[in-house]
Protein backbone atom coordinates (compact mmCIF):
# COMPACT_ATOMS: atom_id res chain seq x y z
CA UNK A 1 34.04 159.21 105.58
CA UNK A 2 35.61 156.32 103.69
CA UNK A 3 38.64 157.29 101.65
CA UNK A 4 38.92 155.59 98.27
CA UNK A 5 42.55 155.26 97.27
CA UNK A 6 44.02 154.46 93.92
CA UNK A 7 46.22 151.35 94.09
CA UNK A 8 49.49 153.29 93.80
CA UNK A 9 48.75 155.55 96.75
CA UNK A 10 47.55 152.63 98.84
CA UNK A 11 50.72 150.69 98.04
CA UNK A 12 52.98 153.65 98.92
CA UNK A 13 51.18 154.13 102.24
CA UNK A 14 51.19 150.39 102.99
CA UNK A 15 54.95 150.17 102.44
CA UNK A 16 55.55 153.11 104.78
CA UNK A 17 53.16 151.65 107.35
CA UNK A 18 54.83 148.25 107.28
CA UNK A 19 58.29 149.75 107.69
CA UNK A 20 57.06 151.98 110.53
CA UNK A 21 55.44 148.99 112.23
CA UNK A 22 58.58 146.87 111.85
CA UNK A 23 60.82 149.56 113.31
CA UNK A 24 63.82 148.02 111.57
CA UNK A 25 65.11 147.55 108.03
CA UNK A 26 63.16 145.13 105.84
CA UNK A 27 64.18 143.31 102.69
CA UNK A 28 62.18 143.51 99.48
CA UNK A 29 61.17 139.85 99.94
CA UNK A 30 59.96 140.51 103.50
CA UNK A 31 57.97 143.53 102.27
CA UNK A 32 56.38 141.48 99.48
CA UNK A 33 55.38 138.80 102.01
CA UNK A 34 54.01 141.39 104.46
CA UNK A 35 52.05 143.15 101.72
CA UNK A 36 50.56 139.83 100.68
CA UNK A 37 49.63 139.04 104.31
CA UNK A 38 47.64 142.26 104.63
CA UNK A 39 46.05 141.79 101.22
CA UNK A 40 47.78 144.69 99.52
CA UNK A 41 49.68 143.00 96.71
CA UNK A 42 51.73 145.37 94.55
CA UNK A 43 50.28 144.08 91.30
CA UNK A 44 47.77 141.42 90.31
CA UNK A 45 50.34 140.05 87.89
CA UNK A 46 53.30 137.67 87.95
CA UNK A 47 55.79 138.03 90.82
CA UNK A 48 58.32 139.86 88.65
CA UNK A 49 55.79 142.62 87.99
CA UNK A 50 54.95 142.83 91.71
CA UNK A 51 58.65 143.14 92.53
CA UNK A 52 59.01 145.92 89.93
CA UNK A 53 55.99 147.79 91.33
CA UNK A 54 57.47 147.57 94.83
CA UNK A 55 60.90 148.69 93.56
CA UNK A 56 59.25 151.74 91.98
CA UNK A 57 57.53 152.60 95.28
CA UNK A 58 60.75 152.19 97.24
CA UNK A 59 62.68 154.38 94.79
CA UNK A 60 59.94 157.04 94.96
CA UNK A 61 59.95 157.07 98.76
CA UNK A 62 63.78 157.27 98.80
CA UNK A 63 63.68 160.27 96.45
CA UNK A 64 61.25 161.97 98.84
CA UNK A 65 63.64 161.25 101.72
CA UNK A 66 61.20 159.04 103.62
CA UNK A 67 63.20 155.82 103.19
CA UNK A 68 66.84 154.94 103.09
CA UNK A 69 68.46 152.05 101.25
CA UNK A 70 70.53 150.22 103.86
CA UNK A 71 71.96 147.55 101.58
CA UNK A 72 70.96 146.19 98.22
CA UNK A 73 67.33 145.12 98.56
CA UNK A 74 66.96 146.33 102.17
CA UNK A 75 65.28 149.56 103.22
CA UNK A 76 64.46 151.40 106.41
CA UNK A 77 62.10 154.23 107.15
CA UNK A 78 63.38 157.61 108.28
CA UNK A 79 60.72 158.39 110.90
CA UNK A 80 61.66 162.05 111.34
CA UNK A 81 61.15 162.63 107.62
CA UNK A 82 57.48 161.59 107.76
CA UNK A 83 54.86 164.11 108.83
CA UNK A 84 52.43 163.07 111.57
CA UNK A 85 49.53 163.08 109.10
CA UNK A 86 51.39 160.84 106.62
CA UNK A 87 52.41 158.54 109.47
CA UNK A 88 48.77 158.26 110.53
CA UNK A 89 47.55 157.57 106.98
CA UNK A 90 50.28 154.98 106.38
CA UNK A 91 49.54 153.17 109.63
CA UNK A 92 45.78 153.23 108.97
CA UNK A 93 46.22 151.54 105.58
CA UNK A 94 48.11 148.68 107.24
CA UNK A 95 45.64 148.50 110.13
CA UNK A 96 42.57 148.60 107.88
CA UNK A 97 44.01 146.10 105.40
CA UNK A 98 44.85 143.72 108.24
CA UNK A 99 41.32 144.03 109.64
CA UNK A 100 39.66 143.42 106.28
CA UNK A 101 41.94 140.43 105.66
CA UNK A 102 41.24 138.86 109.08
CA UNK A 103 37.48 139.41 108.69
CA UNK A 104 37.52 137.72 105.27
CA UNK A 105 39.51 134.79 106.70
CA UNK A 106 37.03 134.43 109.58
CA UNK A 107 34.07 134.49 107.19
CA UNK A 108 35.68 131.87 104.96
CA UNK A 109 36.36 129.62 107.96
CA UNK A 110 32.76 129.99 109.18
CA UNK A 111 31.25 128.83 105.89
């Protein structure tokens, strides 16, 4: 079964997945770059809007106790605060987005 996600849920899961994969604190700029690399941009609008969308996701995840603000603009995941099912869903969004992105790049290079 293919799960269709609304963009907000996909972004929240992608941010968690990226922070889990990194295993260390990441800056907002590094998260924006990583999201772009996996093809999961926060907003199809100017960079300021993308940064705001990401800031909203980070604030939401901090309120839930899944993330912690280390310094201004730097966040880390609190792995024990994430259920195994959420961890799996977050990691699958990153994995699936990376696969789709690499397949699209390969197809573009082949043509």
